[in-house]
Amino acid sequence: MPRASLGHVALLGDDDPELVRALRWFSESLSMLDLDWSFPDQQAPRFDQVVVRSRCTQGVRNAAALVEPGGILYWEIERGGPLRCWRALLLDIAGRALHAARLRNRSKRYEPYSMRSIRMRFERSGFDNVRWHWHRPGFQDALDIVPLHNDTVLDHFFGKHNGRSRGRVKRGVGRLLQRMGLLHVLVPCLSVMATRQTEPGDRTPVAM
């Protein structure tokens, strides 16, 4: 039985051995690039799938220019333990407050790290169909891959296993964060996937 092919794939960032093996098996070719790669103008290669493993948005800027029209950009963000996640949440809340203050001063130089703002930045750079997934508990050992962009699925997920008091508390907090638009900030392992539009366009990187 023939195996599915991802086409020509580029990997930027952490070269997790299991991920590398899987990409080599399911792709026609795999190119491993540094996050800060540099090619002469208009000479950067194009790939059907580009995978980025980094918390740094600079890697996403570079990766965006490598995606073929109709191709997919897949970004894995692994934040680590709970302390890192809570730190990210506090930074996001502080960023929102700063953003609101600057809007009052008619300055838009800063946008918070929200699902909406990231989606808008991708769309301005020629991507659409932006999707967010929570890999629980982690990328390598995921028992659930939960779409954070789908409120119906999230409601079903948080409605499961309500028999235990600890589980009810966790899911209650999860529902609250979901409604506040902050759930994605506390997720330890998050992936973002976007498709480059098929119409010819510029190679402008995502403005993160």
N, C-alpha and C. Protein backbone atom coordinates (compact mmCIF):
# COMPACT_ATOMS: atom_id res chain seq x y z
N MET A 1 0.86 -1.20 0.00
CA MET A 1 0.00 0.00 0.00
C MET A 1 0.89 1.24 0.00
N PRO A 2 0.71 2.16 -0.96
CA PRO A 2 1.57 3.35 -1.01
C PRO A 2 1.32 4.26 0.18
N ARG A 3 2.40 4.88 0.68
CA ARG A 3 2.25 5.79 1.82
C ARG A 3 1.97 7.20 1.31
N ALA A 4 1.25 7.96 2.13
CA ALA A 4 0.93 9.34 1.76
C ALA A 4 2.21 10.17 1.73
N SER A 5 2.24 11.15 0.84
CA SER A 5 3.43 12.00 0.72
C SER A 5 3.09 13.44 1.03
N LEU A 6 3.94 14.07 1.82
CA LEU A 6 3.78 15.48 2.14
C LEU A 6 4.44 16.37 1.09
N GLY A 7 5.05 15.76 0.08
CA GLY A 7 5.75 16.53 -0.93
C GLY A 7 7.12 16.94 -0.44
N HIS A 8 7.58 18.10 -0.87
CA HIS A 8 8.89 18.61 -0.47
C HIS A 8 8.73 19.44 0.80
N VAL A 9 9.47 19.07 1.85
CA VAL A 9 9.27 19.63 3.19
C VAL A 9 10.55 20.31 3.67
N ALA A 10 10.37 21.43 4.38
CA ALA A 10 11.47 22.10 5.07
C ALA A 10 11.18 22.10 6.56
N LEU A 11 12.22 21.88 7.37
CA LEU A 11 12.11 21.90 8.83
C LEU A 11 13.04 22.96 9.38
N LEU A 12 12.49 23.89 10.16
CA LEU A 12 13.27 24.95 10.80
C LEU A 12 13.11 24.84 12.30
N GLY A 13 14.21 25.02 13.04
CA GLY A 13 14.13 25.00 14.49
C GLY A 13 14.63 23.70 15.06
N ASP A 14 14.11 23.34 16.24
CA ASP A 14 14.54 22.13 16.93
C ASP A 14 14.33 20.90 16.06
N ASP A 15 15.38 20.13 15.86
CA ASP A 15 15.26 18.94 15.02
C ASP A 15 14.99 17.71 15.89
N ASP A 16 13.76 17.63 16.41
CA ASP A 16 13.34 16.49 17.22
C ASP A 16 13.52 15.20 16.42
N PRO A 17 14.26 14.20 16.94
CA PRO A 17 14.56 12.99 16.16
C PRO A 17 13.32 12.27 15.64
N GLU A 18 12.29 12.15 16.47
CA GLU A 18 11.08 11.45 16.03
C GLU A 18 10.39 12.20 14.90
N LEU A 19 10.34 13.51 15.02
CA LEU A 19 9.73 14.32 13.96
C LEU A 19 10.52 14.21 12.67
N VAL A 20 11.85 14.25 12.77
CA VAL A 20 12.69 14.14 11.58
C VAL A 20 12.46 12.80 10.89
N ARG A 21 12.41 11.72 11.66
CA ARG A 21 12.17 10.40 11.06
C ARG A 21 10.82 10.35 10.35
N ALA A 22 9.79 10.89 11.01
CA ALA A 22 8.46 10.88 10.41
C ALA A 22 8.42 11.70 9.12
N LEU A 23 9.05 12.87 9.14
CA LEU A 23 9.04 13.72 7.95
C LEU A 23 9.82 13.07 6.81
N ARG A 24 10.94 12.42 7.13
CA ARG A 24 11.69 11.73 6.08
C ARG A 24 10.87 10.61 5.46
N TRP A 25 10.11 9.91 6.28
CA TRP A 25 9.32 8.78 5.80
C TRP A 25 8.16 9.23 4.91
N PHE A 26 7.50 10.32 5.30
CA PHE A 26 6.27 10.73 4.62
C PHE A 26 6.48 11.83 3.57
N SER A 27 7.71 12.25 3.33
CA SER A 27 7.94 13.32 2.35
C SER A 27 8.79 12.82 1.19
N GLU A 28 8.70 13.55 0.09
CA GLU A 28 9.57 13.25 -1.05
C GLU A 28 10.99 13.71 -0.77
N SER A 29 11.13 14.81 -0.06
CA SER A 29 12.45 15.30 0.34
C SER A 29 12.30 16.13 1.59
N LEU A 30 13.36 16.17 2.41
CA LEU A 30 13.35 16.96 3.64
C LEU A 30 14.61 17.82 3.68
N SER A 31 14.41 19.14 3.79
CA SER A 31 15.52 20.08 3.93
C SER A 31 15.47 20.67 5.33
N MET A 32 16.60 20.62 6.04
CA MET A 32 16.68 21.14 7.40
C MET A 32 17.45 22.46 7.36
N LEU A 33 16.77 23.54 7.76
CA LEU A 33 17.32 24.89 7.66
C LEU A 33 17.43 25.53 9.03
N ASP A 34 18.37 26.46 9.17
CA ASP A 34 18.46 27.26 10.39
C ASP A 34 17.30 28.26 10.44
N LEU A 35 16.93 28.64 11.67
CA LEU A 35 15.85 29.62 11.82
C LEU A 35 16.23 30.95 11.18
N ASP A 36 17.51 31.28 11.19
CA ASP A 36 17.95 32.57 10.63
C ASP A 36 18.57 32.41 9.24
N TRP A 37 17.99 31.49 8.44
CA TRP A 37 18.50 31.25 7.09
C TRP A 37 18.47 32.55 6.28
N SER A 38 19.32 32.59 5.27
CA SER A 38 19.35 33.76 4.39
C SER A 38 19.68 33.31 2.97
N PHE A 39 18.85 33.72 2.02
CA PHE A 39 19.08 33.45 0.60
C PHE A 39 19.09 34.78 -0.15
N PRO A 40 19.78 34.85 -1.29
CA PRO A 40 19.70 36.06 -2.11
C PRO A 40 18.26 36.35 -2.51
N ASP A 41 17.97 37.60 -2.78
CA ASP A 41 16.61 38.00 -3.15
C ASP A 41 16.09 37.15 -4.30
N GLN A 42 14.84 36.68 -4.15
CA GLN A 42 14.12 35.93 -5.17
C GLN A 42 14.76 34.57 -5.48
N GLN A 43 15.70 34.11 -4.63
CA GLN A 43 16.32 32.82 -4.87
C GLN A 43 16.04 31.81 -3.77
N ALA A 44 15.20 32.16 -2.84
CA ALA A 44 14.85 31.22 -1.78
C ALA A 44 14.04 30.06 -2.36
N PRO A 45 14.30 28.84 -1.93
CA PRO A 45 13.52 27.70 -2.44
C PRO A 45 12.09 27.75 -1.93
N ARG A 46 11.23 26.97 -2.56
CA ARG A 46 9.83 26.86 -2.14
C ARG A 46 9.54 25.41 -1.78
N PHE A 47 8.66 25.22 -0.80
CA PHE A 47 8.34 23.88 -0.31
C PHE A 47 6.82 23.72 -0.20
N ASP A 48 6.38 22.46 -0.32
CA ASP A 48 4.95 22.16 -0.15
C ASP A 48 4.52 22.29 1.30
N GLN A 49 5.39 21.91 2.22
CA GLN A 49 5.11 21.99 3.65
C GLN A 49 6.34 22.57 4.33
N VAL A 50 6.12 23.52 5.22
CA VAL A 50 7.22 24.08 6.02
C VAL A 50 6.85 23.92 7.49
N VAL A 51 7.73 23.27 8.24
CA VAL A 51 7.51 22.99 9.66
C VAL A 51 8.47 23.84 10.49
N VAL A 52 7.93 24.55 11.47
CA VAL A 52 8.74 25.40 12.35
C VAL A 52 8.54 24.94 13.79
N ARG A 53 9.64 24.69 14.49
CA ARG A 53 9.57 24.33 15.91
C ARG A 53 10.34 25.39 16.69
N SER A 54 9.62 26.37 17.21
CA SER A 54 10.28 27.47 17.92
C SER A 54 9.24 28.32 18.62
N ARG A 55 9.63 28.87 19.78
CA ARG A 55 8.78 29.87 20.43
C ARG A 55 9.05 31.25 19.84
N CYS A 56 10.11 31.37 19.05
CA CYS A 56 10.51 32.66 18.49
C CYS A 56 9.76 32.94 17.19
N THR A 57 9.15 34.11 17.09
CA THR A 57 8.39 34.43 15.89
C THR A 57 9.27 34.73 14.68
N GLN A 58 10.57 34.97 14.92
CA GLN A 58 11.47 35.23 13.79
C GLN A 58 11.51 34.04 12.85
N GLY A 59 11.47 32.84 13.41
CA GLY A 59 11.47 31.65 12.57
C GLY A 59 10.25 31.58 11.68
N VAL A 60 9.11 32.07 12.18
CA VAL A 60 7.89 32.07 11.37
C VAL A 60 8.00 33.09 10.24
N ARG A 61 8.61 34.23 10.51
CA ARG A 61 8.83 35.22 9.46
C ARG A 61 9.61 34.60 8.30
N ASN A 62 10.70 33.91 8.65
CA ASN A 62 11.53 33.31 7.61
C ASN A 62 10.82 32.16 6.90
N ALA A 63 10.10 31.36 7.67
CA ALA A 63 9.44 30.19 7.09
C ALA A 63 8.34 30.58 6.11
N ALA A 64 7.65 31.69 6.37
CA ALA A 64 6.53 32.08 5.52
C ALA A 64 6.95 32.28 4.08
N ALA A 65 8.16 32.77 3.87
CA ALA A 65 8.63 33.04 2.51
C ALA A 65 8.97 31.77 1.75
N LEU A 66 9.02 30.63 2.44
CA LEU A 66 9.41 29.37 1.81
C LEU A 66 8.23 28.53 1.34
N VAL A 67 7.01 28.96 1.67
CA VAL A 67 5.84 28.13 1.39
C VAL A 67 5.32 28.38 -0.02
N GLU A 68 5.16 27.29 -0.77
CA GLU A 68 4.58 27.36 -2.12
C GLU A 68 3.13 27.83 -2.04
N PRO A 69 2.61 28.52 -3.07
CA PRO A 69 1.17 28.78 -3.12
C PRO A 69 0.40 27.46 -3.01
N GLY A 70 -0.56 27.42 -2.11
CA GLY A 70 -1.29 26.19 -1.85
C GLY A 70 -0.63 25.30 -0.82
N GLY A 71 0.60 25.66 -0.40
CA GLY A 71 1.32 24.87 0.59
C GLY A 71 0.92 25.24 2.01
N ILE A 72 1.48 24.51 2.97
CA ILE A 72 1.08 24.64 4.37
C ILE A 72 2.26 25.02 5.24
N LEU A 73 2.04 25.98 6.13
CA LEU A 73 3.00 26.33 7.17
C LEU A 73 2.49 25.75 8.49
N TYR A 74 3.32 24.95 9.14
CA TYR A 74 2.95 24.29 10.40
C TYR A 74 3.95 24.72 11.47
N TRP A 75 3.45 25.35 12.53
CA TRP A 75 4.28 25.96 13.57
C TRP A 75 3.99 25.28 14.90
N GLU A 76 5.01 24.66 15.51
CA GLU A 76 4.87 24.06 16.83
C GLU A 76 5.50 24.96 17.88
N ILE A 77 4.73 25.24 18.93
CA ILE A 77 5.20 26.08 20.04
C ILE A 77 5.16 25.23 21.30
N GLU A 78 6.32 24.91 21.85
CA GLU A 78 6.41 24.10 23.07
C GLU A 78 6.94 24.98 24.18
N ARG A 79 6.05 25.35 25.10
CA ARG A 79 6.43 26.34 26.12
C ARG A 79 7.10 25.72 27.33
N GLY A 80 6.92 24.44 27.56
CA GLY A 80 7.52 23.81 28.73
C GLY A 80 6.52 23.70 29.87
N GLY A 81 7.00 23.85 31.11
CA GLY A 81 6.19 23.61 32.29
C GLY A 81 5.19 24.71 32.60
N PRO A 82 4.42 24.50 33.69
CA PRO A 82 3.36 25.45 34.07
C PRO A 82 3.87 26.87 34.31
N LEU A 83 5.08 27.02 34.89
CA LEU A 83 5.58 28.36 35.18
C LEU A 83 5.76 29.17 33.90
N ARG A 84 6.26 28.52 32.85
CA ARG A 84 6.42 29.22 31.57
C ARG A 84 5.06 29.65 31.02
N CYS A 85 4.06 28.77 31.19
CA CYS A 85 2.73 29.08 30.66
C CYS A 85 2.11 30.26 31.41
N TRP A 86 2.22 30.25 32.75
CA TRP A 86 1.67 31.36 33.51
C TRP A 86 2.42 32.65 33.20
N ARG A 87 3.73 32.56 32.98
CA ARG A 87 4.49 33.74 32.59
C ARG A 87 3.98 34.28 31.26
N ALA A 88 3.71 33.36 30.31
CA ALA A 88 3.17 33.78 29.01
C ALA A 88 1.81 34.45 29.18
N LEU A 89 0.99 33.91 30.10
CA LEU A 89 -0.33 34.50 30.34
C LEU A 89 -0.20 35.92 30.89
N LEU A 90 0.69 36.11 31.86
CA LEU A 90 0.87 37.43 32.45
C LEU A 90 1.39 38.42 31.41
N LEU A 91 2.33 37.96 30.56
CA LEU A 91 2.83 38.83 29.50
C LEU A 91 1.73 39.20 28.51
N ASP A 92 0.85 38.23 28.22
CA ASP A 92 -0.23 38.51 27.29
C ASP A 92 -1.20 39.54 27.87
N ILE A 93 -1.54 39.37 29.16
CA ILE A 93 -2.45 40.32 29.81
C ILE A 93 -1.81 41.72 29.84
N ALA A 94 -0.51 41.77 30.18
CA ALA A 94 0.18 43.06 30.19
C ALA A 94 0.22 43.66 28.79
N GLY A 95 0.42 42.81 27.79
CA GLY A 95 0.44 43.30 26.42
C GLY A 95 -0.89 43.86 25.99
N ARG A 96 -1.98 43.21 26.41
CA ARG A 96 -3.31 43.72 26.07
C ARG A 96 -3.55 45.09 26.71
N ALA A 97 -3.12 45.23 27.97
CA ALA A 97 -3.28 46.52 28.65
C ALA A 97 -2.47 47.61 27.95
N LEU A 98 -1.24 47.26 27.55
CA LEU A 98 -0.40 48.22 26.83
C LEU A 98 -1.01 48.58 25.49
N HIS A 99 -1.56 47.57 24.82
CA HIS A 99 -2.19 47.80 23.52
C HIS A 99 -3.38 48.75 23.66
N ALA A 100 -4.20 48.53 24.71
CA ALA A 100 -5.36 49.41 24.93
C ALA A 100 -4.91 50.84 25.22
N ALA A 101 -3.85 50.98 26.02
CA ALA A 101 -3.35 52.32 26.34
C ALA A 101 -2.84 53.02 25.08
N ARG A 102 -2.14 52.27 24.23
CA ARG A 102 -1.60 52.89 23.02
C ARG A 102 -2.71 53.22 22.02
N LEU A 103 -3.76 52.42 22.02
CA LEU A 103 -4.89 52.75 21.15
C LEU A 103 -5.52 54.07 21.58
N ARG A 104 -5.57 54.29 22.89
CA ARG A 104 -6.12 55.56 23.37
C ARG A 104 -5.24 56.72 22.91
N ASN A 105 -3.94 56.44 22.75
CA ASN A 105 -3.02 57.47 22.25
C ASN A 105 -2.86 57.41 20.74
N ARG A 106 -3.76 56.63 20.08
CA ARG A 106 -3.76 56.49 18.62
C ARG A 106 -2.45 55.92 18.08
N SER A 107 -1.87 55.01 18.84
CA SER A 107 -0.66 54.32 18.38
C SER A 107 -0.97 52.84 18.29
N LYS A 108 -0.60 52.21 17.17
CA LYS A 108 -0.87 50.79 16.96
C LYS A 108 0.43 50.02 16.72
N ARG A 109 1.47 50.44 17.39
CA ARG A 109 2.75 49.77 17.16
C ARG A 109 2.80 48.40 17.80
N TYR A 110 1.94 48.09 18.74
CA TYR A 110 1.98 46.82 19.45
C TYR A 110 0.64 46.12 19.33
N GLU A 111 0.67 44.82 19.05
CA GLU A 111 -0.54 44.00 19.07
C GLU A 111 -0.30 42.82 20.00
N PRO A 112 -1.25 42.47 20.85
CA PRO A 112 -1.05 41.36 21.77
C PRO A 112 -0.96 40.04 21.04
N TYR A 113 -0.35 39.07 21.70
CA TYR A 113 -0.17 37.74 21.13
C TYR A 113 -1.49 36.97 21.30
N SER A 114 -2.48 37.33 20.51
CA SER A 114 -3.78 36.68 20.58
C SER A 114 -4.03 35.90 19.30
N MET A 115 -4.98 34.98 19.37
CA MET A 115 -5.32 34.19 18.19
C MET A 115 -5.78 35.11 17.07
N ARG A 116 -6.56 36.12 17.42
CA ARG A 116 -7.08 37.02 16.40
C ARG A 116 -5.95 37.80 15.73
N SER A 117 -5.01 38.33 16.52
CA SER A 117 -3.95 39.15 15.94
C SER A 117 -3.01 38.29 15.09
N ILE A 118 -2.70 37.08 15.53
CA ILE A 118 -1.84 36.20 14.74
C ILE A 118 -2.53 35.82 13.44
N ARG A 119 -3.84 35.52 13.51
CA ARG A 119 -4.58 35.19 12.29
C ARG A 119 -4.55 36.35 11.30
N MET A 120 -4.75 37.57 11.81
CA MET A 120 -4.73 38.73 10.92
C MET A 120 -3.37 38.91 10.26
N ARG A 121 -2.29 38.66 11.00
CA ARG A 121 -0.96 38.81 10.44
C ARG A 121 -0.69 37.77 9.35
N PHE A 122 -1.12 36.55 9.60
CA PHE A 122 -0.99 35.52 8.56
C PHE A 122 -1.78 35.92 7.32
N GLU A 123 -3.02 36.37 7.51
CA GLU A 123 -3.86 36.70 6.37
C GLU A 123 -3.30 37.88 5.58
N ARG A 124 -2.71 38.86 6.26
CA ARG A 124 -2.09 39.98 5.55
C ARG A 124 -0.89 39.53 4.73
N SER A 125 -0.30 38.40 5.09
CA SER A 125 0.87 37.90 4.38
C SER A 125 0.53 36.82 3.37
N GLY A 126 -0.77 36.69 3.03
CA GLY A 126 -1.16 35.78 1.97
C GLY A 126 -1.53 34.38 2.42
N PHE A 127 -1.82 34.18 3.70
CA PHE A 127 -2.23 32.88 4.21
C PHE A 127 -3.70 32.93 4.61
N ASP A 128 -4.34 31.78 4.57
CA ASP A 128 -5.71 31.68 5.07
C ASP A 128 -5.89 30.34 5.76
N ASN A 129 -7.14 30.05 6.18
CA ASN A 129 -7.46 28.79 6.85
C ASN A 129 -6.51 28.55 8.03
N VAL A 130 -6.38 29.55 8.90
CA VAL A 130 -5.49 29.45 10.06
C VAL A 130 -6.17 28.62 11.14
N ARG A 131 -5.47 27.60 11.63
CA ARG A 131 -6.03 26.69 12.63
C ARG A 131 -5.07 26.54 13.80
N TRP A 132 -5.64 26.40 15.00
CA TRP A 132 -4.85 26.26 16.23
C TRP A 132 -5.22 24.94 16.90
N HIS A 133 -4.22 24.19 17.37
CA HIS A 133 -4.49 22.92 18.04
C HIS A 133 -3.68 22.80 19.33
N TRP A 134 -4.33 22.30 20.34
CA TRP A 134 -3.70 21.98 21.62
C TRP A 134 -3.35 20.50 21.60
N HIS A 135 -2.06 20.20 21.75
CA HIS A 135 -1.59 18.81 21.80
C HIS A 135 -1.44 18.42 23.27
N ARG A 136 -2.29 17.53 23.72
CA ARG A 136 -2.36 17.21 25.14
C ARG A 136 -2.02 15.75 25.39
N PRO A 137 -1.05 15.46 26.29
CA PRO A 137 -0.26 16.40 27.09
C PRO A 137 0.95 16.99 26.37
N GLY A 138 1.38 16.40 25.24
CA GLY A 138 2.55 16.93 24.53
C GLY A 138 2.54 16.49 23.09
N PHE A 139 3.50 16.97 22.31
CA PHE A 139 3.56 16.63 20.89
C PHE A 139 3.86 15.15 20.68
N GLN A 140 4.83 14.60 21.43
CA GLN A 140 5.24 13.22 21.20
C GLN A 140 4.25 12.21 21.77
N ASP A 141 3.54 12.57 22.83
CA ASP A 141 2.66 11.61 23.51
C ASP A 141 1.21 12.11 23.55
N ALA A 142 0.77 12.78 22.51
CA ALA A 142 -0.56 13.40 22.51
C ALA A 142 -1.68 12.36 22.62
N LEU A 143 -2.51 12.51 23.63
CA LEU A 143 -3.73 11.71 23.76
C LEU A 143 -4.90 12.42 23.10
N ASP A 144 -4.84 13.74 23.07
CA ASP A 144 -5.87 14.55 22.43
C ASP A 144 -5.20 15.63 21.59
N ILE A 145 -5.78 15.91 20.43
CA ILE A 145 -5.40 17.07 19.63
C ILE A 145 -6.66 17.91 19.49
N VAL A 146 -6.73 18.98 20.27
CA VAL A 146 -7.97 19.74 20.44
C VAL A 146 -7.92 21.02 19.61
N PRO A 147 -8.86 21.21 18.68
CA PRO A 147 -8.87 22.44 17.87
C PRO A 147 -9.35 23.64 18.69
N LEU A 148 -8.46 24.58 18.94
CA LEU A 148 -8.82 25.75 19.74
C LEU A 148 -9.65 26.75 18.96
N HIS A 149 -9.73 26.59 17.64
CA HIS A 149 -10.52 27.50 16.82
C HIS A 149 -11.96 27.04 16.68
N ASN A 150 -12.32 25.91 17.32
CA ASN A 150 -13.66 25.34 17.18
C ASN A 150 -14.33 25.31 18.55
N ASP A 151 -15.22 26.27 18.82
CA ASP A 151 -15.86 26.37 20.13
C ASP A 151 -16.72 25.16 20.44
N THR A 152 -17.35 24.57 19.43
CA THR A 152 -18.21 23.40 19.66
C THR A 152 -17.40 22.23 20.18
N VAL A 153 -16.26 21.96 19.54
CA VAL A 153 -15.40 20.86 19.98
C VAL A 153 -14.83 21.16 21.37
N LEU A 154 -14.46 22.41 21.62
CA LEU A 154 -13.93 22.77 22.94
C LEU A 154 -14.98 22.56 24.02
N ASP A 155 -16.22 22.96 23.76
CA ASP A 155 -17.28 22.74 24.74
C ASP A 155 -17.46 21.26 25.03
N HIS A 156 -17.41 20.44 23.98
CA HIS A 156 -17.52 18.98 24.17
C HIS A 156 -16.34 18.46 24.97
N PHE A 157 -15.13 18.94 24.66
CA PHE A 157 -13.94 18.47 25.37
C PHE A 157 -14.02 18.82 26.85
N PHE A 158 -14.39 20.06 27.17
CA PHE A 158 -14.45 20.47 28.57
C PHE A 158 -15.66 19.87 29.28
N GLY A 159 -16.61 19.34 28.54
CA GLY A 159 -17.77 18.71 29.15
C GLY A 159 -17.55 17.27 29.52
N LYS A 160 -16.42 16.67 29.09
CA LYS A 160 -16.15 15.26 29.37
C LYS A 160 -15.66 15.08 30.81
N HIS A 161 -15.94 13.90 31.36
CA HIS A 161 -15.38 13.49 32.65
C HIS A 161 -15.66 14.50 33.76
N ASN A 162 -16.90 14.92 33.85
CA ASN A 162 -17.25 15.89 34.88
C ASN A 162 -17.54 15.25 36.23
N GLY A 163 -17.32 13.93 36.34
CA GLY A 163 -17.64 13.24 37.57
C GLY A 163 -16.69 13.53 38.71
N ARG A 164 -15.45 13.88 38.44
CA ARG A 164 -14.46 14.12 39.48
C ARG A 164 -14.37 15.62 39.77
N SER A 165 -14.28 15.94 41.07
CA SER A 165 -14.28 17.35 41.45
C SER A 165 -13.08 18.08 40.87
N ARG A 166 -11.90 17.44 40.89
CA ARG A 166 -10.71 18.09 40.34
C ARG A 166 -10.86 18.34 38.84
N GLY A 167 -11.44 17.35 38.15
CA GLY A 167 -11.67 17.51 36.72
C GLY A 167 -12.66 18.63 36.43
N ARG A 168 -13.69 18.75 37.29
CA ARG A 168 -14.68 19.81 37.09
C ARG A 168 -14.03 21.18 37.25
N VAL A 169 -13.15 21.32 38.24
CA VAL A 169 -12.47 22.60 38.45
C VAL A 169 -11.60 22.94 37.24
N LYS A 170 -10.81 21.97 36.76
CA LYS A 170 -9.94 22.21 35.61
C LYS A 170 -10.74 22.63 34.39
N ARG A 171 -11.84 21.93 34.16
CA ARG A 171 -12.63 22.24 32.97
C ARG A 171 -13.37 23.55 33.13
N GLY A 172 -13.75 23.89 34.38
CA GLY A 172 -14.36 25.18 34.60
C GLY A 172 -13.40 26.32 34.31
N VAL A 173 -12.15 26.15 34.74
CA VAL A 173 -11.11 27.15 34.44
C VAL A 173 -10.87 27.21 32.94
N GLY A 174 -10.85 26.03 32.30
CA GLY A 174 -10.63 25.99 30.85
C GLY A 174 -11.72 26.72 30.09
N ARG A 175 -12.97 26.51 30.49
CA ARG A 175 -14.09 27.21 29.83
C ARG A 175 -13.97 28.72 30.01
N LEU A 176 -13.58 29.14 31.23
CA LEU A 176 -13.44 30.57 31.50
C LEU A 176 -12.35 31.18 30.62
N LEU A 177 -11.19 30.51 30.54
CA LEU A 177 -10.09 31.01 29.71
C LEU A 177 -10.48 31.02 28.24
N GLN A 178 -11.27 30.01 27.84
CA GLN A 178 -11.74 29.96 26.45
C GLN A 178 -12.58 31.19 26.13
N ARG A 179 -13.52 31.52 27.02
CA ARG A 179 -14.40 32.66 26.77
C ARG A 179 -13.64 33.98 26.82
N MET A 180 -12.56 34.02 27.61
CA MET A 180 -11.75 35.24 27.71
C MET A 180 -10.76 35.37 26.56
N GLY A 181 -10.65 34.31 25.74
CA GLY A 181 -9.69 34.33 24.64
C GLY A 181 -8.26 34.14 25.09
N LEU A 182 -8.05 33.49 26.25
CA LEU A 182 -6.71 33.33 26.81
C LEU A 182 -6.27 31.87 26.88
N LEU A 183 -7.11 30.94 26.46
CA LEU A 183 -6.78 29.53 26.62
C LEU A 183 -5.50 29.16 25.89
N HIS A 184 -5.31 29.71 24.69
CA HIS A 184 -4.14 29.34 23.89
C HIS A 184 -2.83 29.74 24.56
N VAL A 185 -2.88 30.74 25.46
CA VAL A 185 -1.66 31.21 26.11
C VAL A 185 -1.19 30.21 27.17
N LEU A 186 -2.11 29.48 27.79
CA LEU A 186 -1.76 28.55 28.85
C LEU A 186 -1.54 27.13 28.35
N VAL A 187 -1.70 26.89 27.08
CA VAL A 187 -1.49 25.55 26.53
C VAL A 187 0.01 25.30 26.39
N PRO A 188 0.55 24.23 27.02
CA PRO A 188 1.99 23.99 26.94
C PRO A 188 2.47 23.65 25.54
N CYS A 189 1.67 22.90 24.79
CA CYS A 189 2.07 22.48 23.44
C CYS A 189 0.99 22.90 22.45
N LEU A 190 1.30 23.89 21.64
CA LEU A 190 0.34 24.50 20.73
C LEU A 190 0.89 24.44 19.31
N SER A 191 0.02 24.12 18.36
CA SER A 191 0.43 24.18 16.95
C SER A 191 -0.48 25.15 16.20
N VAL A 192 0.11 25.84 15.23
CA VAL A 192 -0.63 26.74 14.35
C VAL A 192 -0.38 26.28 12.92
N MET A 193 -1.46 26.14 12.15
CA MET A 193 -1.35 25.70 10.77
C MET A 193 -2.06 26.71 9.87
N ALA A 194 -1.43 27.06 8.75
CA ALA A 194 -2.03 28.01 7.82
C ALA A 194 -1.67 27.61 6.40
N THR A 195 -2.54 27.94 5.45
CA THR A 195 -2.35 27.59 4.05
C THR A 195 -2.07 28.85 3.24
N ARG A 196 -0.99 28.80 2.44
CA ARG A 196 -0.72 29.95 1.58
C ARG A 196 -1.72 29.97 0.43
N GLN A 197 -2.29 31.14 0.16
CA GLN A 197 -3.28 31.27 -0.90
C GLN A 197 -2.66 30.92 -2.25
N THR A 198 -3.47 30.35 -3.13
CA THR A 198 -2.97 29.86 -4.41
C THR A 198 -2.72 30.96 -5.42
N GLU A 199 -3.30 32.15 -5.19
CA GLU A 199 -3.07 33.25 -6.13
C GLU A 199 -1.62 33.71 -6.03
N PRO A 200 -1.00 34.08 -7.14
CA PRO A 200 0.36 34.60 -7.08
C PRO A 200 0.41 35.83 -6.19
N GLY A 201 1.43 35.89 -5.35
CA GLY A 201 1.55 37.02 -4.44
C GLY A 201 2.99 37.30 -4.13
N ASP A 202 3.20 38.25 -3.22
CA ASP A 202 4.58 38.59 -2.88
C ASP A 202 5.13 37.58 -1.89
N ARG A 203 6.40 37.69 -1.58
CA ARG A 203 7.07 36.80 -0.65
C ARG A 203 7.29 37.49 0.69
N THR A 204 6.41 38.44 1.00
CA THR A 204 6.57 39.20 2.23
C THR A 204 6.44 38.28 3.43
N PRO A 205 7.42 38.25 4.35
CA PRO A 205 7.31 37.40 5.52
C PRO A 205 6.18 37.85 6.43
N VAL A 206 5.72 36.93 7.27
CA VAL A 206 4.70 37.27 8.25
C VAL A 206 5.26 38.30 9.22
N ALA A 207 4.52 39.37 9.43
CA ALA A 207 5.00 40.47 10.28
C ALA A 207 4.63 40.19 11.72
N MET A 208 5.44 39.39 12.41
CA MET A 208 5.16 39.05 13.80
C MET A 208 5.70 40.14 14.73
